[in-house]
Full PDB file with SEQRES, HELIX, SHEET, SSBOND, CRYST1, ORIGX, SCALE, CONECT and MASTER records, all heavy atoms in Angstrom:
SEQRES   1 A   35  VAL PHE ILE ALA ASP ASN ILE VAL TYR THR LYS ASN SER          
SEQRES   2 A   35  ALA GLN PRO MET GLU PRO CYS MET LEU MET THR ILE PRO          
SEQRES   3 A   35  ASP LEU ILE ASP THR PHE SER SER LEU                          
HELIX    1 AA1 ILE A   25  PHE A   32  1                                   8    
SHEET    1 AA1 3 PHE A   2  ALA A   4  0                                        
SHEET    2 AA1 3 ILE A   7  THR A  10 -1                                        
SHEET    3 AA1 3 MET A  21  THR A  24 -1                                        
CRYST1    1.000    1.000    1.000  90.00  90.00  90.00 P 1           1          
ORIGX1      1.000000  0.000000  0.000000        0.00000                         
ORIGX2      0.000000  1.000000  0.000000        0.00000                         
ORIGX3      0.000000  0.000000  1.000000        0.00000                         
SCALE1      1.000000  0.000000  0.000000        0.00000                         
SCALE2      0.000000  1.000000  0.000000        0.00000                         
SCALE3      0.000000  0.000000  1.000000        0.00000                         
ATOM      1  N   VAL A   1      -4.300  20.264 -19.588  1.00  0.00           N  
ATOM      2  CA  VAL A   1      -4.680  21.666 -19.803  1.00  0.00           C  
ATOM      3  C   VAL A   1      -6.116  21.876 -19.335  1.00  0.00           C  
ATOM      4  O   VAL A   1      -7.025  21.143 -19.762  1.00  0.00           O  
ATOM      5  CB  VAL A   1      -4.545  22.060 -21.289  1.00  0.00           C  
ATOM      6  CG1 VAL A   1      -4.963  23.515 -21.504  1.00  0.00           C  
ATOM      7  CG2 VAL A   1      -3.117  21.837 -21.772  1.00  0.00           C  
ATOM      8  N   PHE A   2      -6.305  22.869 -18.487  1.00  0.00           N  
ATOM      9  CA  PHE A   2      -7.649  23.175 -18.006  1.00  0.00           C  
ATOM     10  C   PHE A   2      -8.451  23.840 -19.124  1.00  0.00           C  
ATOM     11  O   PHE A   2      -7.962  24.747 -19.807  1.00  0.00           O  
ATOM     12  CB  PHE A   2      -7.581  24.103 -16.799  1.00  0.00           C  
ATOM     13  CG  PHE A   2      -8.930  24.436 -16.212  1.00  0.00           C  
ATOM     14  CD1 PHE A   2      -9.598  23.530 -15.411  1.00  0.00           C  
ATOM     15  CD2 PHE A   2      -9.533  25.661 -16.479  1.00  0.00           C  
ATOM     16  CE1 PHE A   2     -10.841  23.828 -14.880  1.00  0.00           C  
ATOM     17  CE2 PHE A   2     -10.771  25.976 -15.950  1.00  0.00           C  
ATOM     18  CZ  PHE A   2     -11.434  25.056 -15.147  1.00  0.00           C  
ATOM     19  N   ILE A   3      -9.710  23.395 -19.288  1.00  0.00           N  
ATOM     20  CA  ILE A   3     -10.589  23.968 -20.307  1.00  0.00           C  
ATOM     21  C   ILE A   3     -11.692  24.808 -19.656  1.00  0.00           C  
ATOM     22  O   ILE A   3     -11.790  26.008 -19.892  1.00  0.00           O  
ATOM     23  CB  ILE A   3     -11.208  22.860 -21.171  1.00  0.00           C  
ATOM     24  CG1 ILE A   3     -10.099  22.029 -21.859  1.00  0.00           C  
ATOM     25  CG2 ILE A   3     -12.131  23.476 -22.236  1.00  0.00           C  
ATOM     26  CD1 ILE A   3      -9.163  22.823 -22.754  1.00  0.00           C  
ATOM     27  N   ALA A   4     -12.520  24.199 -18.825  1.00  0.00           N  
ATOM     28  CA  ALA A   4     -13.621  24.923 -18.177  1.00  0.00           C  
ATOM     29  C   ALA A   4     -14.241  24.036 -17.112  1.00  0.00           C  
ATOM     30  O   ALA A   4     -14.217  22.799 -17.223  1.00  0.00           O  
ATOM     31  CB  ALA A   4     -14.684  25.314 -19.204  1.00  0.00           C  
ATOM     32  N   ASP A   5     -14.825  24.657 -16.094  1.00  0.00           N  
ATOM     33  CA  ASP A   5     -15.501  23.950 -15.005  1.00  0.00           C  
ATOM     34  C   ASP A   5     -14.597  22.859 -14.438  1.00  0.00           C  
ATOM     35  O   ASP A   5     -13.627  23.152 -13.758  1.00  0.00           O  
ATOM     36  CB  ASP A   5     -16.839  23.404 -15.493  1.00  0.00           C  
ATOM     37  CG  ASP A   5     -17.692  22.856 -14.358  1.00  0.00           C  
ATOM     38  OD1 ASP A   5     -17.411  23.199 -13.194  1.00  0.00           O  
ATOM     39  OD2 ASP A   5     -18.624  22.079 -14.626  1.00  0.00           O  
ATOM     40  N   ASN A   6     -14.889  21.573 -14.728  1.00  0.00           N  
ATOM     41  CA  ASN A   6     -14.029  20.479 -14.262  1.00  0.00           C  
ATOM     42  C   ASN A   6     -13.522  19.640 -15.428  1.00  0.00           C  
ATOM     43  O   ASN A   6     -13.263  18.447 -15.288  1.00  0.00           O  
ATOM     44  CB  ASN A   6     -14.783  19.599 -13.258  1.00  0.00           C  
ATOM     45  CG  ASN A   6     -15.913  18.809 -13.917  1.00  0.00           C  
ATOM     46  OD1 ASN A   6     -16.356  19.138 -15.010  1.00  0.00           O  
ATOM     47  ND2 ASN A   6     -16.379  17.774 -13.254  1.00  0.00           N  
ATOM     48  N   ILE A   7     -13.367  20.267 -16.604  1.00  0.00           N  
ATOM     49  CA  ILE A   7     -12.967  19.567 -17.829  1.00  0.00           C  
ATOM     50  C   ILE A   7     -11.525  19.931 -18.197  1.00  0.00           C  
ATOM     51  O   ILE A   7     -11.143  21.102 -18.157  1.00  0.00           O  
ATOM     52  CB  ILE A   7     -13.891  19.924 -19.008  1.00  0.00           C  
ATOM     53  CG1 ILE A   7     -15.355  19.727 -18.620  1.00  0.00           C  
ATOM     54  CG2 ILE A   7     -13.532  19.099 -20.231  1.00  0.00           C  
ATOM     55  CD1 ILE A   7     -15.743  18.308 -18.331  1.00  0.00           C  
ATOM     56  N   VAL A   8     -10.741  18.923 -18.588  1.00  0.00           N  
ATOM     57  CA  VAL A   8      -9.361  19.144 -19.015  1.00  0.00           C  
ATOM     58  C   VAL A   8      -9.126  18.492 -20.372  1.00  0.00           C  
ATOM     59  O   VAL A   8      -9.833  17.564 -20.775  1.00  0.00           O  
ATOM     60  CB  VAL A   8      -8.350  18.580 -17.990  1.00  0.00           C  
ATOM     61  CG1 VAL A   8      -8.459  19.312 -16.663  1.00  0.00           C  
ATOM     62  CG2 VAL A   8      -8.541  17.074 -17.791  1.00  0.00           C  
ATOM     63  N   TYR A   9      -8.124  19.006 -21.060  1.00  0.00           N  
ATOM     64  CA  TYR A   9      -7.611  18.419 -22.312  1.00  0.00           C  
ATOM     65  C   TYR A   9      -6.398  17.599 -21.918  1.00  0.00           C  
ATOM     66  O   TYR A   9      -5.464  18.108 -21.291  1.00  0.00           O  
ATOM     67  CB  TYR A   9      -7.236  19.540 -23.262  1.00  0.00           C  
ATOM     68  CG  TYR A   9      -6.677  19.127 -24.618  1.00  0.00           C  
ATOM     69  CD1 TYR A   9      -7.482  19.176 -25.752  1.00  0.00           C  
ATOM     70  CD2 TYR A   9      -5.347  18.746 -24.770  1.00  0.00           C  
ATOM     71  CE1 TYR A   9      -6.974  18.841 -27.010  1.00  0.00           C  
ATOM     72  CE2 TYR A   9      -4.835  18.406 -26.021  1.00  0.00           C  
ATOM     73  CZ  TYR A   9      -5.655  18.459 -27.129  1.00  0.00           C  
ATOM     74  OH  TYR A   9      -5.144  18.128 -28.371  1.00  0.00           O  
ATOM     75  N   THR A  10      -6.373  16.308 -22.292  1.00  0.00           N  
ATOM     76  CA  THR A  10      -5.328  15.433 -21.772  1.00  0.00           C  
ATOM     77  C   THR A  10      -4.922  14.362 -22.774  1.00  0.00           C  
ATOM     78  O   THR A  10      -5.717  13.943 -23.617  1.00  0.00           O  
ATOM     79  CB  THR A  10      -5.813  14.760 -20.469  1.00  0.00           C  
ATOM     80  OG1 THR A  10      -4.798  13.913 -19.931  1.00  0.00           O  
ATOM     81  CG2 THR A  10      -7.066  13.921 -20.711  1.00  0.00           C  
ATOM     82  N   LYS A  11      -3.681  13.932 -22.679  1.00  0.00           N  
ATOM     83  CA  LYS A  11      -3.194  12.725 -23.357  1.00  0.00           C  
ATOM     84  C   LYS A  11      -2.555  11.875 -22.274  1.00  0.00           C  
ATOM     85  O   LYS A  11      -1.529  12.259 -21.699  1.00  0.00           O  
ATOM     86  CB  LYS A  11      -2.185  13.045 -24.456  1.00  0.00           C  
ATOM     87  CG  LYS A  11      -1.841  11.832 -25.319  1.00  0.00           C  
ATOM     88  CD  LYS A  11      -0.878  12.201 -26.440  1.00  0.00           C  
ATOM     89  CE  LYS A  11      -0.747  11.082 -27.455  1.00  0.00           C  
ATOM     90  NZ  LYS A  11      -0.274   9.809 -26.885  1.00  0.00           N  
ATOM     91  N   ASN A  12      -3.143  10.742 -21.974  1.00  0.00           N  
ATOM     92  CA  ASN A  12      -2.795  10.028 -20.754  1.00  0.00           C  
ATOM     93  C   ASN A  12      -1.575   9.129 -20.853  1.00  0.00           C  
ATOM     94  O   ASN A  12      -1.171   8.535 -19.856  1.00  0.00           O  
ATOM     95  CB  ASN A  12      -4.006   9.233 -20.263  1.00  0.00           C  
ATOM     96  CG  ASN A  12      -5.118  10.148 -19.786  1.00  0.00           C  
ATOM     97  OD1 ASN A  12      -4.911  11.339 -19.573  1.00  0.00           O  
ATOM     98  ND2 ASN A  12      -6.308   9.603 -19.629  1.00  0.00           N  
ATOM     99  N   SER A  13      -0.996   9.017 -22.023  1.00  0.00           N  
ATOM    100  CA  SER A  13       0.293   8.337 -22.165  1.00  0.00           C  
ATOM    101  C   SER A  13       0.841   8.646 -23.544  1.00  0.00           C  
ATOM    102  O   SER A  13       0.148   9.221 -24.390  1.00  0.00           O  
ATOM    103  CB  SER A  13       0.161   6.817 -21.981  1.00  0.00           C  
ATOM    104  OG  SER A  13      -0.305   6.200 -23.159  1.00  0.00           O  
ATOM    105  N   ALA A  14       2.082   8.242 -23.792  1.00  0.00           N  
ATOM    106  CA  ALA A  14       2.708   8.483 -25.090  1.00  0.00           C  
ATOM    107  C   ALA A  14       2.343   7.408 -26.110  1.00  0.00           C  
ATOM    108  O   ALA A  14       2.719   7.510 -27.276  1.00  0.00           O  
ATOM    109  CB  ALA A  14       4.230   8.551 -24.925  1.00  0.00           C  
ATOM    110  N   GLN A  15       1.589   6.394 -25.693  1.00  0.00           N  
ATOM    111  CA  GLN A  15       1.262   5.292 -26.586  1.00  0.00           C  
ATOM    112  C   GLN A  15       0.349   5.735 -27.733  1.00  0.00           C  
ATOM    113  O   GLN A  15      -0.530   6.595 -27.544  1.00  0.00           O  
ATOM    114  CB  GLN A  15       0.578   4.169 -25.803  1.00  0.00           C  
ATOM    115  CG  GLN A  15       1.448   3.533 -24.748  1.00  0.00           C  
ATOM    116  CD  GLN A  15       2.669   2.868 -25.348  1.00  0.00           C  
ATOM    117  OE1 GLN A  15       2.589   2.224 -26.412  1.00  0.00           O  
ATOM    118  NE2 GLN A  15       3.803   3.012 -24.690  1.00  0.00           N  
ATOM    119  N   PRO A  16       0.528   5.168 -28.936  1.00  0.00           N  
ATOM    120  CA  PRO A  16      -0.339   5.526 -30.071  1.00  0.00           C  
ATOM    121  C   PRO A  16      -1.812   5.209 -29.817  1.00  0.00           C  
ATOM    122  O   PRO A  16      -2.684   5.828 -30.424  1.00  0.00           O  
ATOM    123  CB  PRO A  16       0.208   4.677 -31.224  1.00  0.00           C  
ATOM    124  CG  PRO A  16       1.612   4.356 -30.837  1.00  0.00           C  
ATOM    125  CD  PRO A  16       1.614   4.250 -29.347  1.00  0.00           C  
ATOM    126  N   MET A  17      -2.093   4.242 -28.932  1.00  0.00           N  
ATOM    127  CA  MET A  17      -3.480   3.882 -28.655  1.00  0.00           C  
ATOM    128  C   MET A  17      -4.146   4.857 -27.692  1.00  0.00           C  
ATOM    129  O   MET A  17      -5.302   4.674 -27.326  1.00  0.00           O  
ATOM    130  CB  MET A  17      -3.558   2.459 -28.095  1.00  0.00           C  
ATOM    131  CG  MET A  17      -3.286   1.390 -29.125  1.00  0.00           C  
ATOM    132  SD  MET A  17      -3.756  -0.270 -28.594  1.00  0.00           S  
ATOM    133  CE  MET A  17      -2.654  -0.523 -27.214  1.00  0.00           C  
ATOM    134  N   GLU A  18      -3.428   5.901 -27.296  1.00  0.00           N  
ATOM    135  CA  GLU A  18      -3.962   6.899 -26.363  1.00  0.00           C  
ATOM    136  C   GLU A  18      -4.192   8.205 -27.119  1.00  0.00           C  
ATOM    137  O   GLU A  18      -3.245   8.868 -27.523  1.00  0.00           O  
ATOM    138  CB  GLU A  18      -2.976   7.119 -25.228  1.00  0.00           C  
ATOM    139  CG  GLU A  18      -3.566   7.826 -24.032  1.00  0.00           C  
ATOM    140  CD  GLU A  18      -4.384   6.906 -23.167  1.00  0.00           C  
ATOM    141  OE1 GLU A  18      -3.898   5.813 -22.814  1.00  0.00           O  
ATOM    142  OE2 GLU A  18      -5.517   7.290 -22.835  1.00  0.00           O  
ATOM    143  N   PRO A  19      -5.444   8.613 -27.335  1.00  0.00           N  
ATOM    144  CA  PRO A  19      -5.704   9.861 -28.065  1.00  0.00           C  
ATOM    145  C   PRO A  19      -5.667  11.068 -27.137  1.00  0.00           C  
ATOM    146  O   PRO A  19      -5.742  10.940 -25.916  1.00  0.00           O  
ATOM    147  CB  PRO A  19      -7.119   9.649 -28.590  1.00  0.00           C  
ATOM    148  CG  PRO A  19      -7.774   8.839 -27.503  1.00  0.00           C  
ATOM    149  CD  PRO A  19      -6.686   7.930 -26.969  1.00  0.00           C  
ATOM    150  N   CYS A  20      -5.555  12.243 -27.705  1.00  0.00           N  
ATOM    151  CA  CYS A  20      -5.841  13.461 -26.954  1.00  0.00           C  
ATOM    152  C   CYS A  20      -7.356  13.537 -26.798  1.00  0.00           C  
ATOM    153  O   CYS A  20      -8.089  13.290 -27.757  1.00  0.00           O  
ATOM    154  CB  CYS A  20      -5.332  14.693 -27.707  1.00  0.00           C  
ATOM    155  SG  CYS A  20      -3.531  14.798 -27.801  1.00  0.00           S  
ATOM    156  N   MET A  21      -7.817  13.844 -25.606  1.00  0.00           N  
ATOM    157  CA  MET A  21      -9.262  13.831 -25.367  1.00  0.00           C  
ATOM    158  C   MET A  21      -9.624  14.737 -24.201  1.00  0.00           C  
ATOM    159  O   MET A  21      -8.744  15.324 -23.549  1.00  0.00           O  
ATOM    160  CB  MET A  21      -9.739  12.404 -25.103  1.00  0.00           C  
ATOM    161  CG  MET A  21      -9.098  11.732 -23.908  1.00  0.00           C  
ATOM    162  SD  MET A  21      -9.629  10.005 -23.777  1.00  0.00           S  
ATOM    163  CE  MET A  21      -8.815   9.529 -22.251  1.00  0.00           C  
ATOM    164  N   LEU A  22     -10.910  14.861 -23.954  1.00  0.00           N  
ATOM    165  CA  LEU A  22     -11.429  15.652 -22.850  1.00  0.00           C  
ATOM    166  C   LEU A  22     -11.907  14.714 -21.752  1.00  0.00           C  
ATOM    167  O   LEU A  22     -12.535  13.685 -22.031  1.00  0.00           O  
ATOM    168  CB  LEU A  22     -12.583  16.541 -23.317  1.00  0.00           C  
ATOM    169  CG  LEU A  22     -12.255  17.521 -24.447  1.00  0.00           C  
ATOM    170  CD1 LEU A  22     -13.531  18.253 -24.886  1.00  0.00           C  
ATOM    171  CD2 LEU A  22     -11.195  18.526 -24.009  1.00  0.00           C  
ATOM    172  N   MET A  23     -11.611  15.083 -20.503  1.00  0.00           N  
ATOM    173  CA  MET A  23     -12.034  14.283 -19.352  1.00  0.00           C  
ATOM    174  C   MET A  23     -12.432  15.208 -18.215  1.00  0.00           C  
ATOM    175  O   MET A  23     -11.991  16.357 -18.154  1.00  0.00           O  
ATOM    176  CB  MET A  23     -10.905  13.359 -18.861  1.00  0.00           C  
ATOM    177  CG  MET A  23     -10.521  12.237 -19.783  1.00  0.00           C  
ATOM    178  SD  MET A  23      -9.254  11.156 -19.037  1.00  0.00           S  
ATOM    179  CE  MET A  23     -10.212  10.306 -17.763  1.00  0.00           C  
ATOM    180  N   THR A  24     -13.230  14.672 -17.294  1.00  0.00           N  
ATOM    181  CA  THR A  24     -13.487  15.412 -16.063  1.00  0.00           C  
ATOM    182  C   THR A  24     -12.305  15.215 -15.121  1.00  0.00           C  
ATOM    183  O   THR A  24     -11.619  14.186 -15.171  1.00  0.00           O  
ATOM    184  CB  THR A  24     -14.771  14.949 -15.367  1.00  0.00           C  
ATOM    185  OG1 THR A  24     -14.592  13.613 -14.881  1.00  0.00           O  
ATOM    186  CG2 THR A  24     -15.958  14.993 -16.322  1.00  0.00           C  
ATOM    187  N   ILE A  25     -12.090  16.172 -14.255  1.00  0.00           N  
ATOM    188  CA  ILE A  25     -10.984  16.059 -13.299  1.00  0.00           C  
ATOM    189  C   ILE A  25     -11.170  14.871 -12.370  1.00  0.00           C  
ATOM    190  O   ILE A  25     -10.199  14.127 -12.106  1.00  0.00           O  
ATOM    191  CB  ILE A  25     -10.818  17.380 -12.528  1.00  0.00           C  
ATOM    192  CG1 ILE A  25     -10.306  18.468 -13.482  1.00  0.00           C  
ATOM    193  CG2 ILE A  25      -9.872  17.209 -11.345  1.00  0.00           C  
ATOM    194  CD1 ILE A  25     -10.194  19.851 -12.858  1.00  0.00           C  
ATOM    195  N   PRO A  26     -12.370  14.603 -11.823  1.00  0.00           N  
ATOM    196  CA  PRO A  26     -12.527  13.406 -10.990  1.00  0.00           C  
ATOM    197  C   PRO A  26     -12.166  12.114 -11.722  1.00  0.00           C  
ATOM    198  O   PRO A  26     -11.509  11.229 -11.149  1.00  0.00           O  
ATOM    199  CB  PRO A  26     -14.007  13.438 -10.593  1.00  0.00           C  
ATOM    200  CG  PRO A  26     -14.370  14.883 -10.626  1.00  0.00           C  
ATOM    201  CD  PRO A  26     -13.599  15.443 -11.788  1.00  0.00           C  
ATOM    202  N   ASP A  27     -12.599  11.977 -12.988  1.00  0.00           N  
ATOM    203  CA  ASP A  27     -12.256  10.769 -13.748  1.00  0.00           C  
ATOM    204  C   ASP A  27     -10.751  10.689 -13.990  1.00  0.00           C  
ATOM    205  O   ASP A  27     -10.160   9.596 -13.972  1.00  0.00           O  
ATOM    206  CB  ASP A  27     -12.992  10.743 -15.085  1.00  0.00           C  
ATOM    207  CG  ASP A  27     -14.458  10.389 -14.934  1.00  0.00           C  
ATOM    208  OD1 ASP A  27     -14.851   9.950 -13.830  1.00  0.00           O  
ATOM    209  OD2 ASP A  27     -15.226  10.547 -15.905  1.00  0.00           O  
ATOM    210  N   LEU A  28     -10.120  11.832 -14.223  1.00  0.00           N  
ATOM    211  CA  LEU A  28      -8.674  11.852 -14.444  1.00  0.00           C  
ATOM    212  C   LEU A  28      -7.937  11.403 -13.179  1.00  0.00           C  
ATOM    213  O   LEU A  28      -6.990  10.604 -13.246  1.00  0.00           O  
ATOM    214  CB  LEU A  28      -8.235  13.257 -14.842  1.00  0.00           C  
ATOM    215  CG  LEU A  28      -6.785  13.402 -15.294  1.00  0.00           C  
ATOM    216  CD1 LEU A  28      -6.622  12.865 -16.716  1.00  0.00           C  
ATOM    217  CD2 LEU A  28      -6.341  14.857 -15.247  1.00  0.00           C  
ATOM    218  N   ILE A  29      -8.361  11.896 -12.030  1.00  0.00           N  
ATOM    219  CA  ILE A  29      -7.725  11.511 -10.768  1.00  0.00           C  
ATOM    220  C   ILE A  29      -7.906  10.016 -10.522  1.00  0.00           C  
ATOM    221  O   ILE A  29      -6.967   9.320 -10.113  1.00  0.00           O  
ATOM    222  CB  ILE A  29      -8.292  12.343  -9.610  1.00  0.00           C  
ATOM    223  CG1 ILE A  29      -7.849  13.799  -9.738  1.00  0.00           C  
ATOM    224  CG2 ILE A  29      -7.842  11.777  -8.264  1.00  0.00           C  
ATOM    225  CD1 ILE A  29      -8.442  14.720  -8.698  1.00  0.00           C  
ATOM    226  N   ASP A  30      -9.118   9.498 -10.772  1.00  0.00           N  
ATOM    227  CA  ASP A  30      -9.344   8.059 -10.604  1.00  0.00           C  
ATOM    228  C   ASP A  30      -8.411   7.250 -11.502  1.00  0.00           C  
ATOM    229  O   ASP A  30      -7.855   6.226 -11.096  1.00  0.00           O  
ATOM    230  CB  ASP A  30     -10.797   7.706 -10.924  1.00  0.00           C  
ATOM    231  CG  ASP A  30     -11.759   8.198  -9.863  1.00  0.00           C  
ATOM    232  OD1 ASP A  30     -11.304   8.548  -8.754  1.00  0.00           O  
ATOM    233  OD2 ASP A  30     -12.977   8.243 -10.143  1.00  0.00           O  
ATOM    234  N   THR A  31      -8.240   7.712 -12.745  1.00  0.00           N  
ATOM    235  CA  THR A  31      -7.393   6.996 -13.692  1.00  0.00           C  
ATOM    236  C   THR A  31      -5.948   6.938 -13.214  1.00  0.00           C  
ATOM    237  O   THR A  31      -5.318   5.873 -13.208  1.00  0.00           O  
ATOM    238  CB  THR A  31      -7.453   7.670 -15.077  1.00  0.00           C  
ATOM    239  OG1 THR A  31      -8.784   7.567 -15.589  1.00  0.00           O  
ATOM    240  CG2 THR A  31      -6.487   7.014 -16.045  1.00  0.00           C  
ATOM    241  N   PHE A  32      -5.402   8.069 -12.791  1.00  0.00           N  
ATOM    242  CA  PHE A  32      -3.986   8.095 -12.410  1.00  0.00           C  
ATOM    243  C   PHE A  32      -3.749   7.626 -10.979  1.00  0.00           C  
ATOM    244  O   PHE A  32      -2.597   7.373 -10.603  1.00  0.00           O  
ATOM    245  CB  PHE A  32      -3.405   9.490 -12.657  1.00  0.00           C  
ATOM    246  CG  PHE A  32      -3.084   9.717 -14.100  1.00  0.00           C  
ATOM    247  CD1 PHE A  32      -4.020  10.256 -14.957  1.00  0.00           C  
ATOM    248  CD2 PHE A  32      -1.861   9.317 -14.629  1.00  0.00           C  
ATOM    249  CE1 PHE A  32      -3.749  10.429 -16.298  1.00  0.00           C  
ATOM    250  CE2 PHE A  32      -1.572   9.487 -15.968  1.00  0.00           C  
ATOM    251  CZ  PHE A  32      -2.511  10.042 -16.810  1.00  0.00           C  
ATOM    252  N   SER A  33      -4.794   7.468 -10.218  1.00  0.00           N  
ATOM    253  CA  SER A  33      -4.640   6.834  -8.914  1.00  0.00           C  
ATOM    254  C   SER A  33      -4.265   5.361  -9.072  1.00  0.00           C  
ATOM    255  O   SER A  33      -3.797   4.730  -8.124  1.00  0.00           O  
ATOM    256  CB  SER A  33      -5.937   6.963  -8.103  1.00  0.00           C  
ATOM    257  OG  SER A  33      -6.173   8.312  -7.750  1.00  0.00           O  
ATOM    258  N   SER A  34      -4.468   4.824 -10.283  1.00  0.00           N  
ATOM    259  CA  SER A  34      -4.072   3.436 -10.544  1.00  0.00           C  
ATOM    260  C   SER A  34      -2.565   3.263 -10.502  1.00  0.00           C  
ATOM    261  O   SER A  34      -2.066   2.138 -10.388  1.00  0.00           O  
ATOM    262  CB  SER A  34      -4.604   2.991 -11.911  1.00  0.00           C  
ATOM    263  OG  SER A  34      -3.967   3.716 -12.962  1.00  0.00           O  
ATOM    264  N   LEU A  35      -1.817   4.370 -10.604  1.00  0.00           N  
ATOM    265  CA  LEU A  35      -0.354   4.285 -10.639  1.00  0.00           C  
ATOM    266  C   LEU A  35       0.279   4.451  -9.269  1.00  0.00           C  
ATOM    267  O   LEU A  35       1.500   4.380  -9.142  1.00  0.00           O  
ATOM    268  CB  LEU A  35       0.198   5.367 -11.586  1.00  0.00           C  
ATOM    269  CG  LEU A  35      -0.311   5.329 -13.025  1.00  0.00           C  
ATOM    270  CD1 LEU A  35       0.327   6.461 -13.828  1.00  0.00           C  
ATOM    271  CD2 LEU A  35      -0.022   3.983 -13.672  1.00  0.00           C  
TER     272      LEU A  35                                                      
MASTER        0    0    0    1    3    0    0    6  271    1    0    3          
END                                                                             
């Protein structure tokens, strides 16, 4: 979910060890480029 500027609200997997959190779009792209 887009929040503002380059910040999104995200949950990066269904695992319990993954919280809902805020990230920058560049960091999010880097993270999912691992897949």
